Amino acid sequence: MLKLSEVLQSIRMSRAGFYRMRSRGQAPRLHKLPNGHIRVRRADLDAWLETLTENAR
């Protein structure tokens, strides 16, 4: 599982932009761990990126 900061850095997006996309249902699913940290599963991120490339075609 990836930290949100790692995801944002890899996709070169601001936190605010990511949360705007998330509010529209256009971002990978976030998981809140018991310690309160936010994570994104690598598989969810890869699937999301694949849908973006498919939509761009």
N, C-alpha and C. Protein backbone atom coordinates (compact mmCIF):
# COMPACT_ATOMS: atom_id res chain seq x y z
N MET A 1 0.84 -1.18 0.00
CA MET A 1 0.00 0.00 0.00
C MET A 1 0.88 1.24 0.00
N LEU A 2 0.44 2.24 -0.74
CA LEU A 2 1.22 3.47 -0.92
C LEU A 2 0.65 4.61 -0.07
N LYS A 3 1.54 5.44 0.42
CA LYS A 3 1.12 6.65 1.10
C LYS A 3 0.51 7.59 0.07
N LEU A 4 -0.42 8.41 0.50
CA LEU A 4 -1.03 9.37 -0.41
C LEU A 4 0.01 10.30 -1.00
N SER A 5 0.98 10.70 -0.21
CA SER A 5 2.04 11.58 -0.73
C SER A 5 2.83 10.90 -1.85
N GLU A 6 3.04 9.59 -1.75
CA GLU A 6 3.73 8.85 -2.81
C GLU A 6 2.90 8.81 -4.08
N VAL A 7 1.60 8.62 -3.92
CA VAL A 7 0.70 8.59 -5.07
C VAL A 7 0.69 9.96 -5.76
N LEU A 8 0.56 11.01 -4.97
CA LEU A 8 0.51 12.36 -5.52
C LEU A 8 1.80 12.71 -6.26
N GLN A 9 2.91 12.29 -5.71
CA GLN A 9 4.19 12.55 -6.36
C GLN A 9 4.30 11.77 -7.68
N SER A 10 3.85 10.52 -7.69
CA SER A 10 3.98 9.71 -8.90
C SER A 10 3.07 10.18 -10.02
N ILE A 11 1.89 10.71 -9.67
CA ILE A 11 0.98 11.19 -10.72
C ILE A 11 1.10 12.69 -10.94
N ARG A 12 1.98 13.33 -10.17
CA ARG A 12 2.24 14.78 -10.29
C ARG A 12 0.96 15.60 -10.18
N MET A 13 0.30 15.42 -9.06
CA MET A 13 -0.96 16.12 -8.82
C MET A 13 -0.94 16.68 -7.40
N SER A 14 -1.61 17.80 -7.23
CA SER A 14 -1.71 18.38 -5.89
C SER A 14 -2.73 17.60 -5.07
N ARG A 15 -2.60 17.74 -3.76
CA ARG A 15 -3.56 17.08 -2.87
C ARG A 15 -4.98 17.61 -3.12
N ALA A 16 -5.09 18.93 -3.32
CA ALA A 16 -6.40 19.54 -3.56
C ALA A 16 -7.01 19.01 -4.85
N GLY A 17 -6.19 18.91 -5.90
CA GLY A 17 -6.69 18.37 -7.17
C GLY A 17 -7.14 16.93 -7.04
N PHE A 18 -6.37 16.15 -6.29
CA PHE A 18 -6.73 14.75 -6.08
C PHE A 18 -8.07 14.64 -5.36
N TYR A 19 -8.25 15.43 -4.31
CA TYR A 19 -9.50 15.37 -3.57
C TYR A 19 -10.68 15.90 -4.38
N ARG A 20 -10.45 16.84 -5.27
CA ARG A 20 -11.52 17.29 -6.18
C ARG A 20 -11.95 16.13 -7.08
N MET A 21 -10.97 15.42 -7.65
CA MET A 21 -11.30 14.26 -8.48
C MET A 21 -12.00 13.19 -7.66
N ARG A 22 -11.55 13.00 -6.44
CA ARG A 22 -12.16 12.00 -5.57
C ARG A 22 -13.62 12.34 -5.28
N SER A 23 -13.92 13.61 -5.07
CA SER A 23 -15.30 14.02 -4.78
C SER A 23 -16.22 13.77 -5.97
N ARG A 24 -15.64 13.73 -7.17
CA ARG A 24 -16.41 13.42 -8.38
C ARG A 24 -16.42 11.93 -8.70
N GLY A 25 -15.78 11.14 -7.85
CA GLY A 25 -15.72 9.70 -8.07
C GLY A 25 -14.72 9.30 -9.13
N GLN A 26 -13.70 10.13 -9.36
CA GLN A 26 -12.74 9.90 -10.43
C GLN A 26 -11.33 9.65 -9.92
N ALA A 27 -11.19 9.06 -8.74
CA ALA A 27 -9.87 8.80 -8.17
C ALA A 27 -9.85 7.40 -7.57
N PRO A 28 -8.67 6.84 -7.39
CA PRO A 28 -8.61 5.51 -6.78
C PRO A 28 -9.10 5.55 -5.33
N ARG A 29 -9.54 4.41 -4.87
CA ARG A 29 -10.10 4.30 -3.53
C ARG A 29 -9.01 4.51 -2.47
N LEU A 30 -9.37 5.25 -1.43
CA LEU A 30 -8.47 5.47 -0.30
C LEU A 30 -8.85 4.53 0.83
N HIS A 31 -7.85 4.09 1.57
CA HIS A 31 -8.07 3.21 2.72
C HIS A 31 -7.50 3.90 3.95
N LYS A 32 -8.32 4.02 4.98
CA LYS A 32 -7.85 4.63 6.23
C LYS A 32 -7.46 3.50 7.18
N LEU A 33 -6.22 3.51 7.59
CA LEU A 33 -5.71 2.50 8.50
C LEU A 33 -6.14 2.80 9.94
N PRO A 34 -6.10 1.81 10.81
CA PRO A 34 -6.50 2.04 12.22
C PRO A 34 -5.71 3.16 12.90
N ASN A 35 -4.49 3.40 12.46
CA ASN A 35 -3.70 4.48 13.06
C ASN A 35 -4.03 5.85 12.46
N GLY A 36 -4.98 5.90 11.51
CA GLY A 36 -5.43 7.14 10.92
C GLY A 36 -4.72 7.51 9.62
N HIS A 37 -3.70 6.77 9.25
CA HIS A 37 -2.98 7.06 8.01
C HIS A 37 -3.80 6.65 6.81
N ILE A 38 -3.63 7.37 5.71
CA ILE A 38 -4.34 7.11 4.46
C ILE A 38 -3.41 6.36 3.52
N ARG A 39 -3.93 5.32 2.87
CA ARG A 39 -3.15 4.54 1.92
C ARG A 39 -3.98 4.26 0.68
N VAL A 40 -3.27 4.00 -0.42
CA VAL A 40 -3.89 3.59 -1.69
C VAL A 40 -3.25 2.27 -2.08
N ARG A 41 -4.06 1.30 -2.41
CA ARG A 41 -3.52 0.02 -2.86
C ARG A 41 -2.92 0.19 -4.25
N ARG A 42 -1.78 -0.42 -4.46
CA ARG A 42 -1.08 -0.34 -5.75
C ARG A 42 -2.00 -0.83 -6.88
N ALA A 43 -2.75 -1.90 -6.64
CA ALA A 43 -3.65 -2.44 -7.66
C ALA A 43 -4.74 -1.43 -8.02
N ASP A 44 -5.27 -0.72 -7.01
CA ASP A 44 -6.29 0.31 -7.27
C ASP A 44 -5.71 1.46 -8.09
N LEU A 45 -4.49 1.86 -7.76
CA LEU A 45 -3.84 2.94 -8.51
C LEU A 45 -3.58 2.52 -9.95
N ASP A 46 -3.07 1.31 -10.15
CA ASP A 46 -2.79 0.82 -11.50
C ASP A 46 -4.06 0.72 -12.34
N ALA A 47 -5.14 0.22 -11.73
CA ALA A 47 -6.42 0.12 -12.44
C ALA A 47 -6.95 1.49 -12.81
N TRP A 48 -6.82 2.45 -11.90
CA TRP A 48 -7.27 3.81 -12.16
C TRP A 48 -6.48 4.44 -13.30
N LEU A 49 -5.16 4.26 -13.26
CA LEU A 49 -4.32 4.80 -14.33
C LEU A 49 -4.66 4.16 -15.68
N GLU A 50 -4.99 2.88 -15.67
CA GLU A 50 -5.36 2.19 -16.90
C GLU A 50 -6.65 2.76 -17.48
N THR A 51 -7.63 3.07 -16.62
CA THR A 51 -8.87 3.66 -17.12
C THR A 51 -8.63 5.04 -17.72
N LEU A 52 -7.69 5.79 -17.14
CA LEU A 52 -7.36 7.10 -17.70
C LEU A 52 -6.77 6.98 -19.09
N THR A 53 -5.88 6.01 -19.30
CA THR A 53 -5.27 5.84 -20.61
C THR A 53 -6.27 5.31 -21.61
N GLU A 54 -7.21 4.47 -21.18
CA GLU A 54 -8.25 3.97 -22.08
C GLU A 54 -9.16 5.10 -22.51
N ASN A 55 -9.51 5.99 -21.57
CA ASN A 55 -10.40 7.11 -21.89
C ASN A 55 -9.72 8.14 -22.79
N ALA A 56 -8.39 8.18 -22.75
CA ALA A 56 -7.65 9.15 -23.56
C ALA A 56 -7.55 8.70 -25.03
N ARG A 57 -7.80 7.45 -25.27
CA ARG A 57 -7.69 6.93 -26.65
C ARG A 57 -8.85 7.28 -27.50
